[in-house]
Amino acid sequence: MLTPVLLVLTVTLQAPTDSIAIIPRPVTLVRHPGHFTLRPRTVIMTTEALRSLAVQVAGYLRPATGYEFLVTTSNEIPDAAGPDPSVIILGLDSLQAGHGPESYSMDVTSSSVVIQGATPAAVFYGVQSLRQLFPPEIFRKAPVGNVRWTFPCLSIVDYPRFAWRGMHLDVSRHFMPKEFVEKYIDLMALYKFNRFHWHLTDDQGWRIEIRRYPRLTSVGGWRAQTLVGKEPDDTSRAVYDSTRYGGFYTQEDIREVVAYAAARFVTVVPEIEMPGHSQAAISAYPALGVTGQPVKVKEDWGVSEWILSPSDSAIAFMENVLTEVMQLFPGQWIHTGGDEAVKTQWQASSFVQRRIRDLGLKDENALQGWFTAQIDSFLHAHGRTLIGWDEILDGGLSPNAVVMSWRGIDGGITAAQAGHDVVMAPGDYTYFDHYQSGDRDGEPLAIGGFLPLDSVYAYDPVPAALDPDQARHILGAQGQVWTEYIADPKHVEYMAFPRLEALAEVLWTPRPELNFADFYGRLSGADIRRLEALDVRYRDPALAVSLPVRQGRQGRRGRR
């Protein structure tokens, strides 16, 4: 059993000495003499294939500068640009693909910026680096006076280390407005994340409209009250707020978010939990459960014993749900949870025990494996890929499934050695709902754990136990934001930032090029001013690092 170790770096923190503060750090960056300056009639030249991206660039730069940019797909610089024009050129170049489909180059002279990428997504990542080259005030939403929009001439060649660069957001425990979800995606895109894992259902709330089953949101989307603070050992002394709570996204909302993400080259991965973490669904439709008895939407945290029945009708119900989910989410992956499925009700049910015998299965874990295999086959038949938490290994892994390893790294190692693709998400390094300080009294209430900024930066998603062929199955990693104790968008931001930036660099920049002191310099200078311009609440980086030197294993905390 490999035990994850909480890595803590001892570093000397210092103020940034270089004005180039791109996060994540590019693979190569070479400075040249001179500076490029944005002008009121700067021309953005591109091809028809990238016209929408060129318009997006103008939209990024216009609010703070007040400039009206000229966007053209012509090879000729318009006369309106004046006698001494500055130009931003966006183009596709198949030669960039030598470093993969997300690779780009940028060449900056005193009169031009040329960004070329292997794909439109690659050009988009080049644009995010371009935005970060300007003074941080470029992110303001109204004209800023007394700023010269200039940066050094340079050359960049850049591409990511991992294909899966993800961030997760739980909207089941606490609902987050659609407008914040879009802001979250914007921030992810700025730091070159490309997967948004949207946790839409759980015991405490069902947040996605399913038109065939309206009670999932009309009943399952609302709880009568919510636990205040941590649950005491004596549950009879628990305090609740006596306030009805809930919300959900309509299918129109979902389509808007998916389109918003696609325009930023972010794939949305929806999560529909099964067979555990399903109390809200069973509250809406009690026949989905093992007992058939009614139950309320869960009002506190922890793990519920309410679990879906392994009946043909319950599986058909979930397949009908997933049919509508697939119509809303065009991406390859559908996350079906699979974690923390308490088997108590299955063990006590004569129907379930007969089902185990009839199917020739060993036990309840094997039954969950069978359940997951039915869903895996259904999704595979529709051209999609099931992804689940690492508990889907316990009953035998479905042939097409991708494993998301959260209970440390062992699940990821096992899956990769068996030839399955893996997304690493171990709690010790990627759970941003954990405390950012050892002094918990000075922090908002959190689920537990301690994950300082430098430990996130020290994480390597590729376990040392894997050989090169097995390591190719590590698609990447993602950060998790579970919201039991995170009630509003500003609190989400505080828990995610600046740890999100550290993970961004881990997932993009080659391992040998990672340097925490250098990262901290870029973060604590220009990047913090960017966050302020973007109205992002963040934890002070100087207070987000660990106290030297803390080594050893952190006690594992459940994700719930």
Protein backbone atom coordinates (compact mmCIF):
# COMPACT_ATOMS: atom_id res chain seq x y z
CA MET A 1 0.00 0.00 0.00
CA LEU A 2 1.60 3.26 -1.10
CA THR A 3 0.94 6.04 1.36
CA PRO A 4 0.69 9.58 0.02
CA VAL A 5 2.98 12.03 1.74
CA LEU A 6 2.11 15.66 2.26
CA LEU A 7 5.09 17.41 0.74
CA VAL A 8 6.05 20.73 2.21
CA LEU A 9 8.76 22.86 0.67
CA THR A 10 11.10 25.13 2.56
CA VAL A 11 11.66 28.15 0.33
CA THR A 12 12.86 31.69 0.49
CA LEU A 13 10.04 33.92 -0.72
CA GLN A 14 10.92 37.12 -2.48
CA ALA A 15 9.28 39.83 -4.51
CA PRO A 16 9.20 39.34 -8.29
CA THR A 17 12.12 40.78 -10.20
CA ASP A 18 10.77 40.19 -13.72
CA SER A 19 7.79 41.89 -15.32
CA ILE A 20 6.91 38.70 -17.23
CA ALA A 21 4.51 36.96 -14.87
CA ILE A 22 2.73 34.34 -16.96
CA ILE A 23 1.01 31.53 -15.02
CA PRO A 24 1.44 28.72 -15.85
CA ARG A 25 5.05 29.27 -16.76
CA PRO A 26 5.71 28.73 -20.50
CA VAL A 27 7.98 25.89 -21.60
CA THR A 28 10.44 28.34 -23.17
CA LEU A 29 10.49 32.14 -23.06
CA VAL A 30 13.29 34.27 -24.51
CA ARG A 31 13.34 38.05 -24.11
CA HIS A 32 14.44 40.40 -26.90
CA PRO A 33 15.29 44.12 -26.92
CA GLY A 34 12.40 46.52 -27.22
CA HIS A 35 8.72 46.66 -26.27
CA PHE A 36 5.36 46.18 -27.95
CA THR A 37 2.73 48.82 -27.23
CA LEU A 38 -1.00 48.49 -27.78
CA ARG A 39 -2.48 51.47 -29.65
CA PRO A 40 -6.02 52.79 -30.15
CA ARG A 41 -6.19 51.39 -33.70
CA THR A 42 -4.22 48.20 -33.24
CA VAL A 43 -5.21 45.70 -35.94
CA ILE A 44 -6.11 42.10 -35.06
CA MET A 45 -5.44 40.06 -38.21
CA THR A 46 -6.52 36.45 -38.58
CA THR A 47 -8.13 33.87 -40.84
CA GLU A 48 -11.83 33.19 -41.21
CA ALA A 49 -11.40 30.04 -39.13
CA LEU A 50 -10.19 32.11 -36.16
CA ARG A 51 -12.39 35.17 -36.64
CA SER A 52 -14.51 34.47 -33.55
CA LEU A 53 -11.33 34.18 -31.47
CA ALA A 54 -10.03 37.48 -32.86
CA VAL A 55 -13.30 39.14 -31.87
CA GLN A 56 -12.89 37.57 -28.42
CA VAL A 57 -9.41 39.09 -28.14
CA ALA A 58 -10.80 42.52 -28.95
CA GLY A 59 -13.44 41.94 -26.30
CA TYR A 60 -10.76 41.06 -23.76
CA LEU A 61 -8.68 44.19 -24.45
CA ARG A 62 -11.34 46.82 -25.15
CA PRO A 63 -12.91 47.48 -21.69
CA ALA A 64 -9.76 48.58 -19.84
CA THR A 65 -8.12 50.37 -22.78
CA GLY A 66 -11.19 51.95 -24.32
CA TYR A 67 -9.65 51.21 -27.71
CA GLU A 68 -11.63 50.23 -30.79
CA PHE A 69 -9.65 47.47 -32.43
CA LEU A 70 -9.78 46.64 -36.11
CA VAL A 71 -10.49 42.95 -36.71
CA THR A 72 -9.78 41.74 -40.23
CA THR A 73 -9.39 38.47 -42.11
CA SER A 74 -7.58 40.26 -44.93
CA ASN A 75 -3.84 40.06 -45.48
CA GLU A 76 -3.81 43.83 -45.93
CA ILE A 77 -3.51 46.21 -42.99
CA PRO A 78 -6.46 48.66 -43.21
CA ASP A 79 -5.67 52.29 -43.95
CA ALA A 80 -7.57 53.19 -40.79
CA ALA A 81 -4.73 51.69 -38.76
CA GLY A 82 -2.65 54.77 -39.54
CA PRO A 83 0.91 55.22 -40.81
CA ASP A 84 2.67 53.33 -38.00
CA PRO A 85 0.36 50.43 -37.12
CA SER A 86 0.70 47.79 -34.44
CA VAL A 87 -0.65 44.36 -35.26
CA ILE A 88 -1.77 41.22 -33.42
CA ILE A 89 -1.79 38.22 -35.76
CA LEU A 90 -3.55 34.94 -34.95
CA GLY A 91 -2.90 31.93 -37.15
CA LEU A 92 -2.93 28.17 -37.42
CA ASP A 93 0.33 26.36 -38.12
CA SER A 94 0.39 22.58 -38.45
CA LEU A 95 4.11 22.57 -37.65
CA GLN A 96 3.21 23.47 -34.06
CA ALA A 97 1.57 20.06 -33.68
CA GLY A 98 4.96 18.47 -33.09
CA HIS A 99 4.40 19.31 -29.43
CA GLY A 100 0.76 18.20 -29.46
CA PRO A 101 -2.60 19.75 -30.40
CA GLU A 102 -2.47 22.42 -27.68
CA SER A 103 0.97 23.82 -28.54
CA TYR A 104 1.48 27.42 -29.65
CA SER A 105 4.23 29.92 -30.31
CA MET A 106 4.33 33.66 -29.77
CA ASP A 107 6.76 36.11 -31.32
CA VAL A 108 6.67 39.73 -30.19
CA THR A 109 8.43 42.63 -31.90
CA SER A 110 8.00 46.35 -31.34
CA SER A 111 5.23 46.44 -33.97
CA SER A 112 3.60 43.03 -33.88
CA VAL A 113 2.48 40.03 -31.87
CA VAL A 114 2.23 36.79 -33.84
CA ILE A 115 0.49 33.84 -32.15
CA GLN A 116 0.39 30.55 -34.05
CA GLY A 117 -1.10 27.33 -32.78
CA ALA A 118 -1.62 23.78 -33.87
CA THR A 119 -5.38 24.15 -33.29
CA PRO A 120 -7.79 26.94 -32.36
CA ALA A 121 -7.51 25.81 -28.74
CA ALA A 122 -3.74 26.26 -28.91
CA VAL A 123 -4.13 29.79 -30.28
CA PHE A 124 -6.57 30.49 -27.44
CA TYR A 125 -3.90 29.48 -24.90
CA GLY A 126 -1.48 31.81 -26.60
CA VAL A 127 -4.04 34.58 -26.19
CA GLN A 128 -4.26 33.86 -22.44
CA SER A 129 -0.48 34.30 -22.22
CA LEU A 130 -0.80 37.54 -24.19
CA ARG A 131 -3.36 38.90 -21.72
CA GLN A 132 -0.97 38.17 -18.86
CA LEU A 133 1.87 40.08 -20.52
CA PHE A 134 0.01 43.37 -20.21
CA PRO A 135 -0.19 45.34 -16.97
CA PRO A 136 -2.75 43.63 -14.69
CA GLU A 137 -5.15 46.54 -15.13
CA ILE A 138 -5.95 45.09 -18.58
CA PHE A 139 -8.48 42.90 -16.74
CA ARG A 140 -10.54 45.88 -15.55
CA LYS A 141 -14.01 46.31 -17.04
CA ALA A 142 -13.86 50.09 -17.53
CA PRO A 143 -11.22 52.36 -19.08
CA VAL A 144 -8.12 52.80 -16.92
CA GLY A 145 -6.19 56.04 -17.20
CA ASN A 146 -2.44 56.59 -16.92
CA VAL A 147 -1.48 53.06 -17.98
CA ARG A 148 0.80 52.38 -20.90
CA TRP A 149 -0.26 49.08 -22.45
CA THR A 150 3.20 47.74 -23.16
CA PHE A 151 5.33 44.66 -22.52
CA PRO A 152 8.77 43.33 -23.58
CA CYS A 153 9.54 41.81 -26.95
CA LEU A 154 9.98 38.07 -26.60
CA SER A 155 9.54 34.61 -28.10
CA ILE A 156 7.55 31.79 -26.53
CA VAL A 157 7.18 28.12 -27.42
CA ASP A 158 4.63 26.50 -25.16
CA TYR A 159 2.60 23.33 -24.70
CA PRO A 160 1.07 21.43 -21.78
CA ARG A 161 2.46 18.46 -19.89
CA PHE A 162 -0.99 16.88 -19.42
CA ALA A 163 -4.10 16.69 -21.58
CA TRP A 164 -6.52 16.71 -18.62
CA ARG A 165 -6.21 19.93 -16.65
CA GLY A 166 -9.32 20.10 -14.55
CA MET A 167 -11.19 21.98 -11.88
CA HIS A 168 -14.25 20.65 -10.08
CA LEU A 169 -17.15 22.48 -8.45
CA ASP A 170 -19.77 20.95 -6.18
CA VAL A 171 -23.10 22.78 -6.60
CA SER A 172 -25.17 20.12 -4.83
CA ARG A 173 -24.32 20.95 -1.22
CA HIS A 174 -24.53 24.69 -1.95
CA PHE A 175 -26.01 25.94 -5.19
CA MET A 176 -23.95 28.41 -7.20
CA PRO A 177 -25.57 30.90 -9.61
CA LYS A 178 -25.08 30.35 -13.32
CA GLU A 179 -23.27 33.69 -13.59
CA PHE A 180 -20.67 32.53 -11.08
CA VAL A 181 -20.25 29.20 -12.84
CA GLU A 182 -19.38 31.16 -15.98
CA LYS A 183 -16.94 33.34 -14.04
CA TYR A 184 -15.33 30.18 -12.65
CA ILE A 185 -14.91 28.87 -16.20
CA ASP A 186 -13.40 32.20 -17.28
CA LEU A 187 -10.83 31.96 -14.50
CA MET A 188 -10.06 28.36 -15.35
CA ALA A 189 -9.50 29.30 -18.99
CA LEU A 190 -7.18 32.16 -18.07
CA TYR A 191 -4.86 29.63 -16.40
CA LYS A 192 -5.26 27.11 -19.28
CA PHE A 193 -7.49 24.54 -17.58
CA ASN A 194 -9.58 22.60 -20.08
CA ARG A 195 -11.93 20.35 -18.06
CA PHE A 196 -14.75 21.59 -15.82
CA HIS A 197 -16.10 18.79 -13.61
CA TRP A 198 -19.59 19.91 -12.58
CA HIS A 199 -20.90 17.96 -9.58
CA LEU A 200 -24.65 18.32 -10.16
CA THR A 201 -26.33 15.72 -7.94
CA ASP A 202 -25.86 14.41 -4.42
CA ASP A 203 -27.75 13.59 -1.23
CA GLN A 204 -28.31 17.27 -0.40
CA GLY A 205 -29.68 18.42 -3.76
CA TRP A 206 -30.38 17.55 -7.40
CA ARG A 207 -29.40 20.56 -9.54
CA ILE A 208 -30.09 19.63 -13.20
CA GLU A 209 -33.51 19.74 -14.86
CA ILE A 210 -34.55 16.36 -16.27
CA ARG A 211 -37.80 16.94 -18.16
CA ARG A 212 -38.92 13.33 -18.06
CA TYR A 213 -38.66 13.35 -14.27
CA PRO A 214 -39.66 16.81 -12.99
CA ARG A 215 -39.73 15.78 -9.32
CA LEU A 216 -35.94 15.43 -9.37
CA THR A 217 -35.75 19.23 -9.16
CA SER A 218 -39.16 20.19 -7.74
CA VAL A 219 -38.61 17.84 -4.78
CA GLY A 220 -34.98 16.69 -4.94
CA GLY A 221 -33.68 20.20 -5.59
CA TRP A 222 -34.77 21.52 -2.19
CA ARG A 223 -34.01 20.64 1.42
CA ALA A 224 -36.10 21.84 4.34
CA GLN A 225 -33.14 23.15 6.32
CA THR A 226 -29.37 22.93 6.62
CA LEU A 227 -27.03 21.94 9.41
CA VAL A 228 -25.28 24.87 11.10
CA GLY A 229 -21.56 24.26 11.63
CA LYS A 230 -20.08 20.81 12.19
CA GLU A 231 -22.28 17.89 13.17
CA PRO A 232 -21.74 17.09 16.88
CA ASP A 233 -20.97 13.57 18.07
CA ASP A 234 -24.36 13.62 19.77
CA THR A 235 -26.56 14.22 16.71
CA SER A 236 -29.52 15.13 18.91
CA ARG A 237 -27.69 18.38 19.68
CA ALA A 238 -27.24 19.34 16.01
CA VAL A 239 -28.47 22.84 15.14
CA TYR A 240 -30.31 23.59 11.88
CA ASP A 241 -31.16 26.92 10.28
CA SER A 242 -34.88 26.19 9.66
CA THR A 243 -34.58 27.74 6.17
CA ARG A 244 -35.65 25.99 2.96
CA TYR A 245 -32.70 25.84 0.60
CA GLY A 246 -32.17 24.81 -2.99
CA GLY A 247 -32.08 25.68 -6.65
CA PHE A 248 -31.35 24.06 -9.99
CA TYR A 249 -30.25 24.80 -13.52
CA THR A 250 -32.79 24.62 -16.30
CA GLN A 251 -31.79 22.88 -19.48
CA GLU A 252 -31.49 26.32 -21.08
CA ASP A 253 -29.07 27.30 -18.29
CA ILE A 254 -27.04 24.17 -18.92
CA ARG A 255 -26.82 24.82 -22.65
CA GLU A 256 -25.65 28.37 -22.01
CA VAL A 257 -22.91 27.23 -19.64
CA VAL A 258 -21.77 24.49 -22.02
CA ALA A 259 -21.63 26.98 -24.91
CA TYR A 260 -19.80 29.51 -22.73
CA ALA A 261 -17.24 26.87 -21.79
CA ALA A 262 -16.83 25.67 -25.39
CA ALA A 263 -15.98 29.20 -26.51
CA ARG A 264 -13.11 29.01 -24.02
CA PHE A 265 -12.08 25.49 -25.04
CA VAL A 266 -13.27 23.99 -21.76
CA THR A 267 -15.07 20.65 -21.85
CA VAL A 268 -17.80 20.33 -19.21
CA VAL A 269 -17.89 16.93 -17.50
CA PRO A 270 -21.22 16.49 -15.68
CA GLU A 271 -21.45 14.22 -12.64
CA ILE A 272 -24.66 12.29 -11.93
CA GLU A 273 -24.01 10.25 -8.78
CA MET A 274 -24.99 6.56 -8.60
CA PRO A 275 -25.65 4.24 -6.89
CA GLY A 276 -24.69 6.06 -3.67
CA HIS A 277 -25.05 9.75 -2.85
CA SER A 278 -28.57 9.46 -4.27
CA GLN A 279 -30.78 10.48 -1.35
CA ALA A 280 -32.14 13.55 -3.17
CA ALA A 281 -33.16 11.41 -6.17
CA ILE A 282 -34.78 8.81 -3.90
CA SER A 283 -36.59 11.61 -2.05
CA ALA A 284 -38.13 12.63 -5.38
CA TYR A 285 -38.90 9.07 -6.53
CA PRO A 286 -38.93 6.63 -3.57
CA ALA A 287 -39.29 3.62 -5.87
CA LEU A 288 -35.67 4.20 -6.91
CA GLY A 289 -34.57 3.16 -3.44
CA VAL A 290 -34.19 -0.27 -1.92
CA THR A 291 -36.98 0.07 0.65
CA GLY A 292 -39.50 2.06 -1.39
CA GLN A 293 -40.00 4.23 1.67
CA PRO A 294 -40.04 8.04 1.51
CA VAL A 295 -37.03 9.99 2.72
CA LYS A 296 -36.31 13.70 2.89
CA VAL A 297 -33.48 15.42 1.03
CA LYS A 298 -30.47 15.19 3.31
CA GLU A 299 -30.05 18.25 5.56
CA ASP A 300 -26.55 17.60 6.91
CA TRP A 301 -23.26 16.29 5.56
CA GLY A 302 -21.47 12.99 5.86
CA VAL A 303 -22.35 9.84 3.92
CA SER A 304 -25.94 8.67 3.49
CA GLU A 305 -27.00 5.02 3.62
CA TRP A 306 -29.72 5.65 1.02
CA ILE A 307 -28.69 3.90 -2.18
CA LEU A 308 -30.30 3.15 -5.51
CA SER A 309 -31.89 -0.23 -5.97
CA PRO A 310 -30.03 -2.51 -8.39
CA SER A 311 -33.36 -3.22 -10.09
CA ASP A 312 -33.96 -3.14 -13.82
CA SER A 313 -36.38 -0.26 -13.34
CA ALA A 314 -33.89 1.88 -11.37
CA ILE A 315 -31.19 1.27 -13.97
CA ALA A 316 -33.64 2.16 -16.76
CA PHE A 317 -34.52 5.34 -14.84
CA MET A 318 -30.88 6.38 -14.65
CA GLU A 319 -30.35 5.56 -18.32
CA ASN A 320 -33.27 7.84 -19.16
CA VAL A 321 -31.67 10.57 -17.03
CA LEU A 322 -28.35 10.09 -18.82
CA THR A 323 -30.08 10.27 -22.19
CA GLU A 324 -31.11 13.85 -21.41
CA VAL A 325 -27.70 14.57 -19.88
CA MET A 326 -25.99 13.46 -23.09
CA GLN A 327 -28.25 15.75 -25.11
CA LEU A 328 -27.03 18.69 -23.01
CA PHE A 329 -23.33 17.82 -22.69
CA PRO A 330 -21.55 16.96 -25.96
CA GLY A 331 -18.22 16.11 -24.32
CA GLN A 332 -16.72 12.63 -24.30
CA TRP A 333 -16.94 11.99 -20.55
CA ILE A 334 -19.93 11.44 -18.26
CA HIS A 335 -19.04 11.11 -14.57
CA THR A 336 -21.26 8.70 -12.64
CA GLY A 337 -19.73 9.02 -9.17
CA GLY A 338 -19.58 5.54 -7.65
CA ASP A 339 -17.94 6.60 -4.40
CA GLU A 340 -18.99 6.02 -0.80
CA ALA A 341 -21.90 3.75 -1.71
CA VAL A 342 -22.92 2.41 1.69
CA LYS A 343 -24.20 -1.17 1.25
CA THR A 344 -26.24 -1.48 4.48
CA GLN A 345 -29.61 -1.37 2.71
CA TRP A 346 -28.43 -3.81 0.06
CA GLN A 347 -27.27 -6.21 2.78
CA ALA A 348 -30.65 -6.05 4.54
CA SER A 349 -32.79 -6.46 1.42
CA SER A 350 -34.04 -9.91 0.43
CA PHE A 351 -34.58 -8.62 -3.13
CA VAL A 352 -30.99 -7.41 -3.42
CA GLN A 353 -29.56 -10.58 -1.93
CA ARG A 354 -31.57 -12.64 -4.41
CA ARG A 355 -30.31 -10.36 -7.17
CA ILE A 356 -26.71 -11.07 -6.14
CA ARG A 357 -27.36 -14.83 -6.24
CA ASP A 358 -29.23 -14.71 -9.56
CA LEU A 359 -26.42 -12.75 -11.19
CA GLY A 360 -23.82 -15.15 -9.82
CA LEU A 361 -21.98 -12.38 -7.98
CA LYS A 362 -19.74 -12.69 -4.95
CA ASP A 363 -21.02 -9.84 -2.79
CA GLU A 364 -22.34 -6.28 -2.64
CA ASN A 365 -19.13 -4.78 -4.02
CA ALA A 366 -19.44 -7.04 -7.05
CA LEU A 367 -23.05 -5.92 -7.37
CA GLN A 368 -21.94 -2.30 -7.55
CA GLY A 369 -19.44 -3.35 -10.20
CA TRP A 370 -22.29 -4.98 -12.15
CA PHE A 371 -24.42 -1.84 -11.73
CA THR A 372 -21.60 0.36 -13.03
CA ALA A 373 -21.00 -2.05 -15.93
CA GLN A 374 -24.63 -1.64 -17.05
CA ILE A 375 -24.23 2.14 -17.13
CA ASP A 376 -20.81 1.85 -18.77
CA SER A 377 -22.25 -0.28 -21.56
CA PHE A 378 -25.13 2.16 -22.06
CA LEU A 379 -22.81 5.16 -22.32
CA HIS A 380 -20.35 3.31 -24.53
CA ALA A 381 -23.17 2.39 -26.93
CA HIS A 382 -23.86 6.12 -27.25
CA GLY A 383 -20.22 6.96 -27.96
CA ARG A 384 -19.44 8.26 -24.48
CA THR A 385 -16.96 7.30 -21.77
CA LEU A 386 -17.85 6.65 -18.14
CA ILE A 387 -15.58 8.18 -15.55
CA GLY A 388 -15.94 7.41 -11.86
CA TRP A 389 -14.28 7.78 -8.47
CA ASP A 390 -11.82 5.03 -7.62
CA GLU A 391 -14.38 2.95 -5.70
CA ILE A 392 -15.50 1.67 -9.12
CA LEU A 393 -12.39 -0.51 -8.90
CA ASP A 394 -13.66 -2.39 -5.86
CA GLY A 395 -16.22 -4.53 -7.68
CA GLY A 396 -14.23 -5.08 -10.85
CA LEU A 397 -13.54 -2.26 -13.28
CA SER A 398 -15.82 -1.81 -16.28
CA PRO A 399 -13.94 -2.27 -19.56
CA ASN A 400 -14.30 1.28 -20.87
CA ALA A 401 -14.18 3.26 -17.63
CA VAL A 402 -11.77 6.03 -16.66
CA VAL A 403 -10.81 6.14 -12.98
CA MET A 404 -10.63 9.35 -10.95
CA SER A 405 -8.37 8.55 -8.01
CA TRP A 406 -9.30 10.50 -4.87
CA ARG A 407 -8.50 8.11 -2.00
CA GLY A 408 -4.79 8.75 -2.40
CA ILE A 409 -2.84 7.47 -5.39
CA ASP A 410 -3.25 3.71 -5.09
CA GLY A 411 -6.45 3.57 -7.15
CA GLY A 412 -4.78 5.47 -9.94
CA ILE A 413 -1.78 3.15 -9.87
CA THR A 414 -3.98 0.04 -9.98
CA ALA A 415 -6.06 1.37 -12.87
CA ALA A 416 -3.06 2.52 -14.91
CA GLN A 417 -1.28 -0.81 -14.41
CA ALA A 418 -4.44 -2.51 -15.71
CA GLY A 419 -4.38 -0.33 -18.83
CA HIS A 420 -7.13 2.13 -17.87
CA ASP A 421 -6.90 5.88 -18.21
CA VAL A 422 -6.71 7.83 -14.96
CA VAL A 423 -7.33 11.34 -13.68
CA MET A 424 -5.49 11.97 -10.42
CA ALA A 425 -7.45 13.79 -7.72
CA PRO A 426 -5.93 12.74 -4.36
CA GLY A 427 -7.34 14.56 -1.36
CA ASP A 428 -3.91 15.24 0.13
CA TYR A 429 -2.94 17.48 -2.79
CA THR A 430 -6.01 18.54 -4.76
CA TYR A 431 -8.87 19.11 -2.28
CA PHE A 432 -9.23 22.85 -2.10
CA ASP A 433 -11.98 22.59 0.52
CA HIS A 434 -9.22 21.75 3.04
CA TYR A 435 -7.75 24.38 5.34
CA GLN A 436 -5.04 26.63 3.95
CA SER A 437 -3.45 27.22 7.34
CA GLY A 438 -2.47 25.19 10.35
CA ASP A 439 -4.10 27.94 12.42
CA ARG A 440 -7.71 26.97 11.84
CA ASP A 441 -9.08 29.61 14.19
CA GLY A 442 -8.11 32.27 11.69
CA GLU A 443 -9.79 30.52 8.75
CA PRO A 444 -13.38 29.97 7.69
CA LEU A 445 -14.87 26.66 8.81
CA ALA A 446 -13.74 23.85 6.51
CA ILE A 447 -14.22 20.11 6.25
CA GLY A 448 -10.74 19.45 7.65
CA GLY A 449 -7.27 18.65 6.38
CA PHE A 450 -4.43 21.07 5.67
CA LEU A 451 -3.33 21.83 2.13
CA PRO A 452 -0.95 24.78 1.81
CA LEU A 453 0.00 26.36 -1.50
CA ASP A 454 3.47 24.85 -1.65
CA SER A 455 2.14 21.32 -1.16
CA VAL A 456 -0.13 21.75 -4.19
CA TYR A 457 2.87 22.96 -6.18
CA ALA A 458 4.98 20.00 -5.03
CA TYR A 459 2.50 17.42 -6.31
CA ASP A 460 3.45 15.21 -9.27
CA PRO A 461 0.40 13.48 -10.85
CA VAL A 462 2.54 10.62 -12.21
CA PRO A 463 3.21 8.12 -9.41
CA ALA A 464 6.77 6.83 -9.22
CA ALA A 465 5.44 3.26 -9.15
CA LEU A 466 4.42 3.41 -12.84
CA ASP A 467 6.71 2.52 -15.70
CA PRO A 468 6.67 4.74 -18.83
CA ASP A 469 4.00 2.69 -20.63
CA GLN A 470 1.73 2.73 -17.59
CA ALA A 471 2.38 6.43 -16.96
CA ARG A 472 0.86 7.24 -20.36
CA HIS A 473 -2.52 6.36 -18.85
CA ILE A 474 -2.28 9.31 -16.47
CA LEU A 475 -4.39 11.84 -18.37
CA GLY A 476 -3.67 14.55 -15.81
CA ALA A 477 -5.24 15.80 -12.60
CA GLN A 478 -7.78 18.24 -11.25
CA GLY A 479 -8.56 20.32 -8.18
CA GLN A 480 -11.73 19.71 -6.14
CA VAL A 481 -13.99 22.27 -4.45
CA TRP A 482 -16.57 20.48 -2.30
CA THR A 483 -19.05 22.92 -0.80
CA GLU A 484 -20.43 21.46 2.44
CA TYR A 485 -18.95 24.45 4.26
CA ILE A 486 -18.67 26.81 1.29
CA ALA A 487 -21.98 28.61 0.93
CA ASP A 488 -21.35 31.33 -1.65
CA PRO A 489 -19.19 32.27 -4.66
CA LYS A 490 -16.79 34.51 -2.75
CA HIS A 491 -16.00 31.68 -0.37
CA VAL A 492 -15.39 29.37 -3.35
CA GLU A 493 -12.91 31.90 -4.70
CA TYR A 494 -11.14 32.21 -1.35
CA MET A 495 -10.65 28.44 -1.13
CA ALA A 496 -9.61 28.02 -4.78
CA PHE A 497 -7.20 30.95 -5.10
CA PRO A 498 -4.22 30.95 -5.19
CA ARG A 499 -4.08 27.14 -4.99
CA LEU A 500 -5.71 26.92 -8.43
CA GLU A 501 -2.75 28.76 -9.98
CA ALA A 502 -0.28 26.36 -8.36
CA LEU A 503 -2.11 23.36 -9.80
CA ALA A 504 -2.31 25.07 -13.20
CA GLU A 505 1.48 25.24 -13.33
CA VAL A 506 1.88 21.64 -12.14
CA LEU A 507 -0.34 20.44 -14.99
CA TRP A 508 1.11 22.62 -17.74
CA THR A 509 4.82 23.24 -17.14
CA PRO A 510 7.45 20.49 -17.56
CA ARG A 511 8.38 18.99 -14.22
CA PRO A 512 12.07 20.01 -14.37
CA GLU A 513 11.07 23.64 -14.94
CA LEU A 514 8.94 23.93 -11.80
CA ASN A 515 10.37 26.31 -9.22
CA PHE A 516 8.23 27.38 -6.30
CA ALA A 517 10.19 30.53 -5.44
CA ASP A 518 9.91 31.70 -9.05
CA PHE A 519 6.19 30.85 -9.10
CA TYR A 520 5.65 32.69 -5.84
CA GLY A 521 7.32 35.78 -7.27
CA ARG A 522 5.00 35.83 -10.28
CA LEU A 523 1.99 35.06 -8.11
CA SER A 524 2.55 37.60 -5.35
CA GLY A 525 3.25 40.43 -7.76
CA ALA A 526 1.36 40.81 -11.01
CA ASP A 527 -0.97 37.84 -10.59
CA ILE A 528 -2.50 39.05 -7.34
CA ARG A 529 -3.17 42.40 -9.02
CA ARG A 530 -4.90 40.46 -11.80
CA LEU A 531 -7.14 38.72 -9.30
CA GLU A 532 -8.01 42.07 -7.74
CA ALA A 533 -8.86 43.49 -11.17
CA LEU A 534 -11.05 40.45 -11.82
CA ASP A 535 -12.83 40.87 -8.45
CA VAL A 536 -11.62 37.51 -7.18
CA ARG A 537 -11.40 36.95 -3.46
CA TYR A 538 -8.15 35.17 -2.64
CA ARG A 539 -6.08 34.11 0.32
CA ASP A 540 -2.91 36.13 0.81
CA PRO A 541 -0.12 33.98 -0.74
CA ALA A 542 2.25 34.93 2.07
CA LEU A 543 -0.15 33.24 4.50
CA ALA A 544 -1.02 30.30 2.23
CA VAL A 545 2.35 28.55 2.45
CA SER A 546 3.23 26.01 5.12
CA LEU A 547 5.37 26.64 8.13
CA PRO A 548 8.77 24.96 7.56
CA VAL A 549 9.29 22.12 7.96
CA ARG A 550 6.29 19.80 8.18
CA GLN A 551 6.83 16.29 6.83
CA GLY A 552 4.86 13.11 7.08
CA ARG A 553 1.48 11.82 6.15
CA GLN A 554 -1.58 13.95 6.59
CA GLY A 555 -4.53 12.09 8.04
CA ARG A 556 -6.91 11.35 5.17
CA ARG A 557 -10.23 13.14 5.26
CA GLY A 558 -13.27 11.90 3.42
CA ARG A 559 -14.40 14.14 0.59
CA ARG A 560 -17.74 14.61 2.23
